[in-house]
Structure formats: C-alpha cells, structure tokens
Amino acid sequence: MTDDRTDITIELEDDGGSKGRYVAHVAGMDEPAELTFSRASAALIIVDHTGVPDSMRGMGVGAALAARVVADAREKGFKIVPLCPFFKAQAQRHADWADVVNL
C-alpha cells in the first residue's frame, strides 16, 4: 500500500516581507494547495488561510502543510497565531504543538 503523502512536496515562498505562503504540490495534480501567512514580527506569524483543491481532499495535504509550518516554527524560533479555521482545528488536535502555536 502506498501513502499519498509521500508524493507531497512543500515549498516556502517568502520574500522576507509581510506575507508568505507554503505551496504543496502532489504528483499527478495540476493545481497546488497553499497555506498563507502574515508576518506580525520576526518572532510571530499569523496563519490566515489554508486552501486545498477538491481534487486533493482526503490526501492529507492540508495536514502536511500545517505540520510543515509547525516544524519551521520550531527550527526558526517563531510562534504561530492561528486565524485560519483549518489550522486552528489542527492545532487543537495536536497538544504537542503548544510550544509554537498560540491558541
């Protein structure tokens, strides 16, 4: 059995300005998924939107995007404020994210 998530690649598009996004591509799919954020300061970002095309629903793409921003927060030392309802719901399910997510 294959895990669809192994075919997900996620890239960070961040020019160092006030906004950025994580873009997920799935092998064989044309349209990407995204998680967008605004930078409140060098130590705080606000996740404001997660968008996953209908063709990718149920493949774990949104969860992979959320996990990636959490991993980057830990690695780079910033905190996350979840305004996006999807990301907030994911954070509420993952008590282990409390070190970087401000609920």
PDB file of N, CA and C in Angstrom:
ATOM      1  N   MET A   1       0.846  -1.176   0.000  1.00  0.00           N
ATOM      2  CA  MET A   1       0.000   0.000   0.000  1.00  0.00           C
ATOM      3  C   MET A   1       0.889   1.236   0.000  1.00  0.00           C
ATOM      4  N   THR A   2       0.499   2.234  -0.777  1.00  0.00           N
ATOM      5  CA  THR A   2       1.287   3.467  -0.839  1.00  0.00           C
ATOM      6  C   THR A   2       0.634   4.537   0.013  1.00  0.00           C
ATOM      7  N   ASP A   3       1.443   5.432   0.495  1.00  0.00           N
ATOM      8  CA  ASP A   3       0.972   6.570   1.284  1.00  0.00           C
ATOM      9  C   ASP A   3       0.997   7.787   0.366  1.00  0.00           C
ATOM     10  N   ASP A   4      -0.179   8.363   0.071  1.00  0.00           N
ATOM     11  CA  ASP A   4      -0.250   9.512  -0.826  1.00  0.00           C
ATOM     12  C   ASP A   4       0.621  10.663  -0.350  1.00  0.00           C
ATOM     13  N   ARG A   5       0.822  10.769   0.941  1.00  0.00           N
ATOM     14  CA  ARG A   5       1.587  11.897   1.459  1.00  0.00           C
ATOM     15  C   ARG A   5       3.039  11.858   1.029  1.00  0.00           C
ATOM     16  N   THR A   6       3.550  10.705   0.631  1.00  0.00           N
ATOM     17  CA  THR A   6       4.938  10.650   0.183  1.00  0.00           C
ATOM     18  C   THR A   6       5.114  11.402  -1.128  1.00  0.00           C
ATOM     19  N   ASP A   7       4.027  11.661  -1.855  1.00  0.00           N
ATOM     20  CA  ASP A   7       4.090  12.370  -3.122  1.00  0.00           C
ATOM     21  C   ASP A   7       3.846  13.873  -2.960  1.00  0.00           C
ATOM     22  N   ILE A   8       3.813  14.365  -1.734  1.00  0.00           N
ATOM     23  CA  ILE A   8       3.581  15.785  -1.478  1.00  0.00           C
ATOM     24  C   ILE A   8       4.925  16.490  -1.334  1.00  0.00           C
ATOM     25  N   THR A   9       5.110  17.547  -2.109  1.00  0.00           N
ATOM     26  CA  THR A   9       6.283  18.399  -1.926  1.00  0.00           C
ATOM     27  C   THR A   9       5.779  19.778  -1.517  1.00  0.00           C
ATOM     28  N   ILE A  10       6.441  20.348  -0.532  1.00  0.00           N
ATOM     29  CA  ILE A  10       6.027  21.650   0.000  1.00  0.00           C
ATOM     30  C   ILE A  10       7.187  22.621  -0.110  1.00  0.00           C
ATOM     31  N   GLU A  11       6.889  23.788  -0.685  1.00  0.00           N
ATOM     32  CA  GLU A  11       7.886  24.839  -0.832  1.00  0.00           C
ATOM     33  C   GLU A  11       7.417  26.086  -0.093  1.00  0.00           C
ATOM     34  N   LEU A  12       8.347  26.779   0.513  1.00  0.00           N
ATOM     35  CA  LEU A  12       8.059  28.049   1.174  1.00  0.00           C
ATOM     36  C   LEU A  12       8.351  29.175   0.201  1.00  0.00           C
ATOM     37  N   GLU A  13       7.359  30.038  -0.003  1.00  0.00           N
ATOM     38  CA  GLU A  13       7.546  31.250  -0.799  1.00  0.00           C
ATOM     39  C   GLU A  13       7.489  32.419   0.175  1.00  0.00           C
ATOM     40  N   ASP A  14       8.663  32.980   0.466  1.00  0.00           N
ATOM     41  CA  ASP A  14       8.767  34.039   1.471  1.00  0.00           C
ATOM     42  C   ASP A  14       9.854  35.004   1.036  1.00  0.00           C
ATOM     43  N   ASP A  15       9.462  36.224   0.715  1.00  0.00           N
ATOM     44  CA  ASP A  15      10.445  37.211   0.278  1.00  0.00           C
ATOM     45  C   ASP A  15      10.983  38.046   1.441  1.00  0.00           C
ATOM     46  N   GLY A  16      10.613  37.636   2.669  1.00  0.00           N
ATOM     47  CA  GLY A  16      11.069  38.375   3.833  1.00  0.00           C
ATOM     48  C   GLY A  16      10.207  39.579   4.159  1.00  0.00           C
ATOM     49  N   GLY A  17       9.155  39.785   3.359  1.00  0.00           N
ATOM     50  CA  GLY A  17       8.237  40.894   3.595  1.00  0.00           C
ATOM     51  C   GLY A  17       7.184  40.515   4.618  1.00  0.00           C
ATOM     52  N   SER A  18       6.005  41.109   4.473  1.00  0.00           N
ATOM     53  CA  SER A  18       4.963  40.893   5.476  1.00  0.00           C
ATOM     54  C   SER A  18       4.094  39.668   5.209  1.00  0.00           C
ATOM     55  N   LYS A  19       4.198  39.093   4.012  1.00  0.00           N
ATOM     56  CA  LYS A  19       3.358  37.941   3.686  1.00  0.00           C
ATOM     57  C   LYS A  19       4.183  36.828   3.073  1.00  0.00           C
ATOM     58  N   GLY A  20       3.659  35.604   3.185  1.00  0.00           N
ATOM     59  CA  GLY A  20       4.314  34.450   2.583  1.00  0.00           C
ATOM     60  C   GLY A  20       3.323  33.314   2.476  1.00  0.00           C
ATOM     61  N   ARG A  21       3.782  32.228   1.864  1.00  0.00           N
ATOM     62  CA  ARG A  21       2.913  31.064   1.777  1.00  0.00           C
ATOM     63  C   ARG A  21       3.734  29.802   1.600  1.00  0.00           C
ATOM     64  N   TYR A  22       3.135  28.702   2.022  1.00  0.00           N
ATOM     65  CA  TYR A  22       3.651  27.376   1.781  1.00  0.00           C
ATOM     66  C   TYR A  22       2.803  26.793   0.657  1.00  0.00           C
ATOM     67  N   VAL A  23       3.445  26.256  -0.355  1.00  0.00           N
ATOM     68  CA  VAL A  23       2.745  25.716  -1.513  1.00  0.00           C
ATOM     69  C   VAL A  23       3.028  24.220  -1.594  1.00  0.00           C
ATOM     70  N   ALA A  24       1.945  23.441  -1.664  1.00  0.00           N
ATOM     71  CA  ALA A  24       2.073  21.980  -1.739  1.00  0.00           C
ATOM     72  C   ALA A  24       1.681  21.505  -3.131  1.00  0.00           C
ATOM     73  N   HIS A  25       2.527  20.665  -3.679  1.00  0.00           N
ATOM     74  CA  HIS A  25       2.253  20.031  -4.969  1.00  0.00           C
ATOM     75  C   HIS A  25       2.168  18.525  -4.737  1.00  0.00           C
ATOM     76  N   VAL A  26       1.209  17.903  -5.386  1.00  0.00           N
ATOM     77  CA  VAL A  26       1.056  16.455  -5.317  1.00  0.00           C
ATOM     78  C   VAL A  26       1.314  15.909  -6.711  1.00  0.00           C
ATOM     79  N   ALA A  27       2.126  14.871  -6.788  1.00  0.00           N
ATOM     80  CA  ALA A  27       2.442  14.258  -8.080  1.00  0.00           C
ATOM     81  C   ALA A  27       1.161  13.903  -8.823  1.00  0.00           C
ATOM     82  N   GLY A  28       1.096  14.298 -10.080  1.00  0.00           N
ATOM     83  CA  GLY A  28      -0.056  13.996 -10.911  1.00  0.00           C
ATOM     84  C   GLY A  28      -1.191  14.996 -10.824  1.00  0.00           C
ATOM     85  N   MET A  29      -1.067  16.000  -9.956  1.00  0.00           N
ATOM     86  CA  MET A  29      -2.106  17.027  -9.794  1.00  0.00           C
ATOM     87  C   MET A  29      -1.572  18.349 -10.332  1.00  0.00           C
ATOM     88  N   ASP A  30      -2.426  19.078 -11.032  1.00  0.00           N
ATOM     89  CA  ASP A  30      -2.003  20.348 -11.624  1.00  0.00           C
ATOM     90  C   ASP A  30      -2.071  21.512 -10.653  1.00  0.00           C
ATOM     91  N   GLU A  31      -3.155  21.593  -9.899  1.00  0.00           N
ATOM     92  CA  GLU A  31      -3.391  22.742  -9.028  1.00  0.00           C
ATOM     93  C   GLU A  31      -2.742  22.530  -7.652  1.00  0.00           C
ATOM     94  N   PRO A  32      -1.995  23.515  -7.143  1.00  0.00           N
ATOM     95  CA  PRO A  32      -1.366  23.358  -5.833  1.00  0.00           C
ATOM     96  C   PRO A  32      -2.319  23.703  -4.682  1.00  0.00           C
ATOM     97  N   ALA A  33      -1.956  23.267  -3.498  1.00  0.00           N
ATOM     98  CA  ALA A  33      -2.615  23.681  -2.260  1.00  0.00           C
ATOM     99  C   ALA A  33      -1.722  24.730  -1.620  1.00  0.00           C
ATOM    100  N   GLU A  34      -2.288  25.525  -0.698  1.00  0.00           N
ATOM    101  CA  GLU A  34      -1.467  26.544  -0.063  1.00  0.00           C
ATOM    102  C   GLU A  34      -1.901  26.820   1.364  1.00  0.00           C
ATOM    103  N   LEU A  35      -0.951  27.303   2.131  1.00  0.00           N
ATOM    104  CA  LEU A  35      -1.191  27.822   3.475  1.00  0.00           C
ATOM    105  C   LEU A  35      -0.530  29.193   3.472  1.00  0.00           C
ATOM    106  N   THR A  36      -1.334  30.246   3.703  1.00  0.00           N
ATOM    107  CA  THR A  36      -0.784  31.594   3.663  1.00  0.00           C
ATOM    108  C   THR A  36      -0.622  32.159   5.074  1.00  0.00           C
ATOM    109  N   PHE A  37       0.316  33.083   5.192  1.00  0.00           N
ATOM    110  CA  PHE A  37       0.563  33.705   6.498  1.00  0.00           C
ATOM    111  C   PHE A  37       0.965  35.151   6.330  1.00  0.00           C
ATOM    112  N   SER A  38       0.792  35.897   7.413  1.00  0.00           N
ATOM    113  CA  SER A  38       1.271  37.273   7.522  1.00  0.00           C
ATOM    114  C   SER A  38       2.287  37.309   8.654  1.00  0.00           C
ATOM    115  N   ARG A  39       3.304  38.097   8.473  1.00  0.00           N
ATOM    116  CA  ARG A  39       4.351  38.212   9.489  1.00  0.00           C
ATOM    117  C   ARG A  39       4.019  39.405  10.384  1.00  0.00           C
ATOM    118  N   ALA A  40       3.762  39.136  11.660  1.00  0.00           N
ATOM    119  CA  ALA A  40       3.490  40.202  12.616  1.00  0.00           C
ATOM    120  C   ALA A  40       4.794  40.793  13.150  1.00  0.00           C
ATOM    121  N   SER A  41       5.819  39.944  13.263  1.00  0.00           N
ATOM    122  CA  SER A  41       7.153  40.375  13.694  1.00  0.00           C
ATOM    123  C   SER A  41       8.123  39.257  13.310  1.00  0.00           C
ATOM    124  N   ALA A  42       9.380  39.438  13.611  1.00  0.00           N
ATOM    125  CA  ALA A  42      10.369  38.402  13.301  1.00  0.00           C
ATOM    126  C   ALA A  42      10.096  37.119  14.083  1.00  0.00           C
ATOM    127  N   ALA A  43       9.376  37.253  15.201  1.00  0.00           N
ATOM    128  CA  ALA A  43       9.129  36.100  16.064  1.00  0.00           C
ATOM    129  C   ALA A  43       7.680  35.627  16.060  1.00  0.00           C
ATOM    130  N   LEU A  44       6.834  36.175  15.158  1.00  0.00           N
ATOM    131  CA  LEU A  44       5.416  35.819  15.175  1.00  0.00           C
ATOM    132  C   LEU A  44       4.816  35.888  13.770  1.00  0.00           C
ATOM    133  N   ILE A  45       4.157  34.783  13.370  1.00  0.00           N
ATOM    134  CA  ILE A  45       3.403  34.801  12.125  1.00  0.00           C
ATOM    135  C   ILE A  45       1.942  34.483  12.423  1.00  0.00           C
ATOM    136  N   ILE A  46       1.076  34.924  11.529  1.00  0.00           N
ATOM    137  CA  ILE A  46      -0.356  34.659  11.637  1.00  0.00           C
ATOM    138  C   ILE A  46      -0.747  33.806  10.441  1.00  0.00           C
ATOM    139  N   VAL A  47      -1.150  32.560  10.701  1.00  0.00           N
ATOM    140  CA  VAL A  47      -1.633  31.698   9.626  1.00  0.00           C
ATOM    141  C   VAL A  47      -3.081  32.098   9.364  1.00  0.00           C
ATOM    142  N   ASP A  48      -3.337  32.599   8.133  1.00  0.00           N
ATOM    143  CA  ASP A  48      -4.658  33.150   7.859  1.00  0.00           C
ATOM    144  C   ASP A  48      -5.497  32.354   6.863  1.00  0.00           C
ATOM    145  N   HIS A  49      -4.908  31.398   6.156  1.00  0.00           N
ATOM    146  CA  HIS A  49      -5.693  30.654   5.173  1.00  0.00           C
ATOM    147  C   HIS A  49      -5.001  29.355   4.791  1.00  0.00           C
ATOM    148  N   THR A  50      -5.788  28.296   4.666  1.00  0.00           N
ATOM    149  CA  THR A  50      -5.322  27.044   4.082  1.00  0.00           C
ATOM    150  C   THR A  50      -6.305  26.688   2.979  1.00  0.00           C
ATOM    151  N   GLY A  51      -5.801  26.523   1.780  1.00  0.00           N
ATOM    152  CA  GLY A  51      -6.647  26.189   0.648  1.00  0.00           C
ATOM    153  C   GLY A  51      -6.174  24.915  -0.021  1.00  0.00           C
ATOM    154  N   VAL A  52      -7.069  23.939  -0.113  1.00  0.00           N
ATOM    155  CA  VAL A  52      -6.755  22.662  -0.745  1.00  0.00           C
ATOM    156  C   VAL A  52      -7.792  22.413  -1.839  1.00  0.00           C
ATOM    157  N   PRO A  53      -7.356  22.217  -3.082  1.00  0.00           N
ATOM    158  CA  PRO A  53      -8.309  21.946  -4.151  1.00  0.00           C
ATOM    159  C   PRO A  53      -9.128  20.681  -3.866  1.00  0.00           C
ATOM    160  N   ASP A  54     -10.350  20.658  -4.355  1.00  0.00           N
ATOM    161  CA  ASP A  54     -11.217  19.497  -4.163  1.00  0.00           C
ATOM    162  C   ASP A  54     -10.549  18.202  -4.625  1.00  0.00           C
ATOM    163  N   SER A  55      -9.748  18.289  -5.679  1.00  0.00           N
ATOM    164  CA  SER A  55      -9.086  17.090  -6.203  1.00  0.00           C
ATOM    165  C   SER A  55      -8.076  16.487  -5.234  1.00  0.00           C
ATOM    166  N   MET A  56      -7.674  17.247  -4.208  1.00  0.00           N
ATOM    167  CA  MET A  56      -6.697  16.765  -3.228  1.00  0.00           C
ATOM    168  C   MET A  56      -7.328  16.439  -1.873  1.00  0.00           C
ATOM    169  N   ARG A  57      -8.609  16.630  -1.738  1.00  0.00           N
ATOM    170  CA  ARG A  57      -9.275  16.376  -0.453  1.00  0.00           C
ATOM    171  C   ARG A  57      -9.056  14.927  -0.022  1.00  0.00           C
ATOM    172  N   GLY A  58      -8.812  14.754   1.269  1.00  0.00           N
ATOM    173  CA  GLY A  58      -8.640  13.422   1.828  1.00  0.00           C
ATOM    174  C   GLY A  58      -7.260  12.826   1.635  1.00  0.00           C
ATOM    175  N   MET A  59      -6.334  13.589   1.069  1.00  0.00           N
ATOM    176  CA  MET A  59      -4.980  13.080   0.825  1.00  0.00           C
ATOM    177  C   MET A  59      -3.991  13.506   1.904  1.00  0.00           C
ATOM    178  N   GLY A  60      -4.437  14.272   2.885  1.00  0.00           N
ATOM    179  CA  GLY A  60      -3.546  14.715   3.953  1.00  0.00           C
ATOM    180  C   GLY A  60      -2.707  15.925   3.597  1.00  0.00           C
ATOM    181  N   VAL A  61      -3.072  16.620   2.525  1.00  0.00           N
ATOM    182  CA  VAL A  61      -2.271  17.760   2.076  1.00  0.00           C
ATOM    183  C   VAL A  61      -2.361  18.926   3.059  1.00  0.00           C
ATOM    184  N   GLY A  62      -3.567  19.239   3.530  1.00  0.00           N
ATOM    185  CA  GLY A  62      -3.725  20.319   4.497  1.00  0.00           C
ATOM    186  C   GLY A  62      -2.960  20.032   5.785  1.00  0.00           C
ATOM    187  N   ALA A  63      -3.051  18.799   6.251  1.00  0.00           N
ATOM    188  CA  ALA A  63      -2.332  18.401   7.466  1.00  0.00           C
ATOM    189  C   ALA A  63      -0.823  18.487   7.259  1.00  0.00           C
ATOM    190  N   ALA A  64      -0.360  18.121   6.066  1.00  0.00           N
ATOM    191  CA  ALA A  64       1.069  18.212   5.764  1.00  0.00           C
ATOM    192  C   ALA A  64       1.536  19.666   5.757  1.00  0.00           C
ATOM    193  N   LEU A  65       0.728  20.559   5.206  1.00  0.00           N
ATOM    194  CA  LEU A  65       1.063  21.989   5.224  1.00  0.00           C
ATOM    195  C   LEU A  65       1.145  22.507   6.663  1.00  0.00           C
ATOM    196  N   ALA A  66       0.162  22.139   7.484  1.00  0.00           N
ATOM    197  CA  ALA A  66       0.143  22.579   8.884  1.00  0.00           C
ATOM    198  C   ALA A  66       1.366  22.058   9.628  1.00  0.00           C
ATOM    199  N   ALA A  67       1.696  20.790   9.431  1.00  0.00           N
ATOM    200  CA  ALA A  67       2.856  20.206  10.107  1.00  0.00           C
ATOM    201  C   ALA A  67       4.150  20.889   9.671  1.00  0.00           C
ATOM    202  N   ARG A  68       4.228  21.273   8.409  1.00  0.00           N
ATOM    203  CA  ARG A  68       5.439  21.932   7.905  1.00  0.00           C
ATOM    204  C   ARG A  68       5.649  23.296   8.555  1.00  0.00           C
ATOM    205  N   VAL A  69       4.585  24.093   8.680  1.00  0.00           N
ATOM    206  CA  VAL A  69       4.760  25.411   9.301  1.00  0.00           C
ATOM    207  C   VAL A  69       5.129  25.253  10.779  1.00  0.00           C
ATOM    208  N   VAL A  70       4.593  24.243  11.445  1.00  0.00           N
ATOM    209  CA  VAL A  70       4.965  23.981  12.839  1.00  0.00           C
ATOM    210  C   VAL A  70       6.438  23.582  12.925  1.00  0.00           C
ATOM    211  N   ALA A  71       6.888  22.711  12.031  1.00  0.00           N
ATOM    212  CA  ALA A  71       8.297  22.304  12.023  1.00  0.00           C
ATOM    213  C   ALA A  71       9.211  23.500  11.774  1.00  0.00           C
ATOM    214  N   ASP A  72       8.817  24.369  10.831  1.00  0.00           N
ATOM    215  CA  ASP A  72       9.625  25.563  10.563  1.00  0.00           C
ATOM    216  C   ASP A  72       9.639  26.507  11.760  1.00  0.00           C
ATOM    217  N   ALA A  73       8.508  26.631  12.456  1.00  0.00           N
ATOM    218  CA  ALA A  73       8.453  27.489  13.642  1.00  0.00           C
ATOM    219  C   ALA A  73       9.442  27.003  14.698  1.00  0.00           C
ATOM    220  N   ARG A  74       9.495  25.696  14.883  1.00  0.00           N
ATOM    221  CA  ARG A  74      10.441  25.144  15.866  1.00  0.00           C
ATOM    222  C   ARG A  74      11.884  25.368  15.431  1.00  0.00           C
ATOM    223  N   GLU A  75      12.143  25.133  14.163  1.00  0.00           N
ATOM    224  CA  GLU A  75      13.505  25.267  13.648  1.00  0.00           C
ATOM    225  C   GLU A  75      13.988  26.715  13.640  1.00  0.00           C
ATOM    226  N   LYS A  76      13.096  27.637  13.269  1.00  0.00           N
ATOM    227  CA  LYS A  76      13.494  29.031  13.095  1.00  0.00           C
ATOM    228  C   LYS A  76      13.156  29.922  14.285  1.00  0.00           C
ATOM    229  N   GLY A  77      12.456  29.379  15.285  1.00  0.00           N
ATOM    230  CA  GLY A  77      12.209  30.118  16.520  1.00  0.00           C
ATOM    231  C   GLY A  77      11.108  31.153  16.464  1.00  0.00           C
ATOM    232  N   PHE A  78      10.041  30.888  15.720  1.00  0.00           N
ATOM    233  CA  PHE A  78       8.919  31.821  15.741  1.00  0.00           C
ATOM    234  C   PHE A  78       7.663  31.137  16.270  1.00  0.00           C
ATOM    235  N   LYS A  79       6.693  31.939  16.650  1.00  0.00           N
ATOM    236  CA  LYS A  79       5.402  31.451  17.149  1.00  0.00           C
ATOM    237  C   LYS A  79       4.340  31.677  16.076  1.00  0.00           C
ATOM    238  N   ILE A  80       3.221  30.940  16.222  1.00  0.00           N
ATOM    239  CA  ILE A  80       2.143  30.991  15.242  1.00  0.00           C
ATOM    240  C   ILE A  80       0.832  31.367  15.924  1.00  0.00           C
ATOM    241  N   VAL A  81       0.132  32.339  15.345  1.00  0.00           N
ATOM    242  CA  VAL A  81      -1.233  32.668  15.758  1.00  0.00           C
ATOM    243  C   VAL A  81      -2.152  32.101  14.671  1.00  0.00           C
ATOM    244  N   PRO A  82      -3.048  31.170  15.022  1.00  0.00           N
ATOM    245  CA  PRO A  82      -3.895  30.542  14.013  1.00  0.00           C
ATOM    246  C   PRO A  82      -5.231  31.266  13.810  1.00  0.00           C
ATOM    247  N   LEU A  83      -5.336  32.068  12.762  1.00  0.00           N
ATOM    248  CA  LEU A  83      -6.622  32.669  12.410  1.00  0.00           C
ATOM    249  C   LEU A  83      -7.398  31.775  11.445  1.00  0.00           C
ATOM    250  N   CYS A  84      -6.700  30.970  10.682  1.00  0.00           N
ATOM    251  CA  CYS A  84      -7.320  30.042   9.742  1.00  0.00           C
ATOM    252  C   CYS A  84      -8.067  28.957  10.518  1.00  0.00           C
ATOM    253  N   PRO A  85      -9.357  28.761  10.252  1.00  0.00           N
ATOM    254  CA  PRO A  85     -10.130  27.742  10.989  1.00  0.00           C
ATOM    255  C   PRO A  85      -9.552  26.330  10.858  1.00  0.00           C
ATOM    256  N   PHE A  86      -9.060  25.973   9.670  1.00  0.00           N
ATOM    257  CA  PHE A  86      -8.488  24.630   9.494  1.00  0.00           C
ATOM    258  C   PHE A  86      -7.238  24.467  10.348  1.00  0.00           C
ATOM    259  N   PHE A  87      -6.320  25.446  10.277  1.00  0.00           N
ATOM    260  CA  PHE A  87      -5.083  25.340  11.054  1.00  0.00           C
ATOM    261  C   PHE A  87      -5.382  25.329  12.550  1.00  0.00           C
ATOM    262  N   LYS A  88      -6.329  26.160  12.973  1.00  0.00           N
ATOM    263  CA  LYS A  88      -6.692  26.208  14.384  1.00  0.00           C
ATOM    264  C   LYS A  88      -7.225  24.850  14.841  1.00  0.00           C
ATOM    265  N   ALA A  89      -8.065  24.218  14.024  1.00  0.00           N
ATOM    266  CA  ALA A  89      -8.601  22.893  14.367  1.00  0.00           C
ATOM    267  C   ALA A  89      -7.479  21.860  14.453  1.00  0.00           C
ATOM    268  N   GLN A  90      -6.519  21.937  13.539  1.00  0.00           N
ATOM    269  CA  GLN A  90      -5.382  21.020  13.589  1.00  0.00           C
ATOM    270  C   GLN A  90      -4.583  21.230  14.877  1.00  0.00           C
ATOM    271  N   ALA A  91      -4.346  22.483  15.235  1.00  0.00           N
ATOM    272  CA  ALA A  91      -3.579  22.801  16.440  1.00  0.00           C
ATOM    273  C   ALA A  91      -4.295  22.295  17.696  1.00  0.00           C
ATOM    274  N   GLN A  92      -5.622  22.387  17.704  1.00  0.00           N
ATOM    275  CA  GLN A  92      -6.379  21.903  18.858  1.00  0.00           C
ATOM    276  C   GLN A  92      -6.282  20.384  18.994  1.00  0.00           C
ATOM    277  N   ARG A  93      -6.059  19.691  17.890  1.00  0.00           N
ATOM    278  CA  ARG A  93      -5.897  18.229  17.915  1.00  0.00           C
ATOM    279  C   ARG A  93      -4.475  17.811  18.281  1.00  0.00           C
ATOM    280  N   HIS A  94      -3.535  18.742  18.202  1.00  0.00           N
ATOM    281  CA  HIS A  94      -2.123  18.432  18.436  1.00  0.00           C
ATOM    282  C   HIS A  94      -1.607  19.223  19.631  1.00  0.00           C
ATOM    283  N   ALA A  95      -1.838  18.702  20.808  1.00  0.00           N
ATOM    284  CA  ALA A  95      -1.362  19.377  22.021  1.00  0.00           C
ATOM    285  C   ALA A  95       0.156  19.559  21.997  1.00  0.00           C
ATOM    286  N   ASP A  96       0.861  18.705  21.261  1.00  0.00           N
ATOM    287  CA  ASP A  96       2.307  18.801  21.167  1.00  0.00           C
ATOM    288  C   ASP A  96       2.778  20.016  20.356  1.00  0.00           C
ATOM    289  N   TRP A  97       1.858  20.738  19.724  1.00  0.00           N
ATOM    290  CA  TRP A  97       2.208  21.956  19.002  1.00  0.00           C
ATOM    291  C   TRP A  97       2.169  23.193  19.902  1.00  0.00           C
ATOM    292  N   ALA A  98       1.771  23.035  21.146  1.00  0.00           N
ATOM    293  CA  ALA A  98       1.569  24.179  22.059  1.00  0.00           C
ATOM    294  C   ALA A  98       2.845  24.997  22.256  1.00  0.00           C
ATOM    295  N   ASP A  99       4.011  24.409  22.011  1.00  0.00           N
ATOM    296  CA  ASP A  99       5.253  25.161  22.177  1.00  0.00           C
ATOM    297  C   ASP A  99       5.415  26.260  21.135  1.00  0.00           C
ATOM    298  N   VAL A 100       4.717  26.142  19.991  1.00  0.00           N
ATOM    299  CA  VAL A 100       4.853  27.154  18.944  1.00  0.00           C
ATOM    300  C   VAL A 100       3.525  27.779  18.498  1.00  0.00           C
ATOM    301  N   VAL A 101       2.395  27.192  18.873  1.00  0.00           N
ATOM    302  CA  VAL A 101       1.093  27.718  18.458  1.00  0.00           C
ATOM    303  C   VAL A 101       0.412  28.406  19.632  1.00  0.00           C
ATOM    304  N   ASN A 102       0.035  29.662  19.446  1.00  0.00           N
ATOM    305  CA  ASN A 102      -0.669  30.441  20.476  1.00  0.00           C
ATOM    306  C   ASN A 102      -2.166  30.340  20.249  1.00  0.00           C
ATOM    307  N   LEU A 103      -2.820  29.422  20.951  1.00  0.00           N
ATOM    308  CA  LEU A 103      -4.275  29.269  20.794  1.00  0.00           C
ATOM    309  C   LEU A 103      -5.030  30.262  21.646  1.00  0.00           C
TER     310      LEU A 103
END
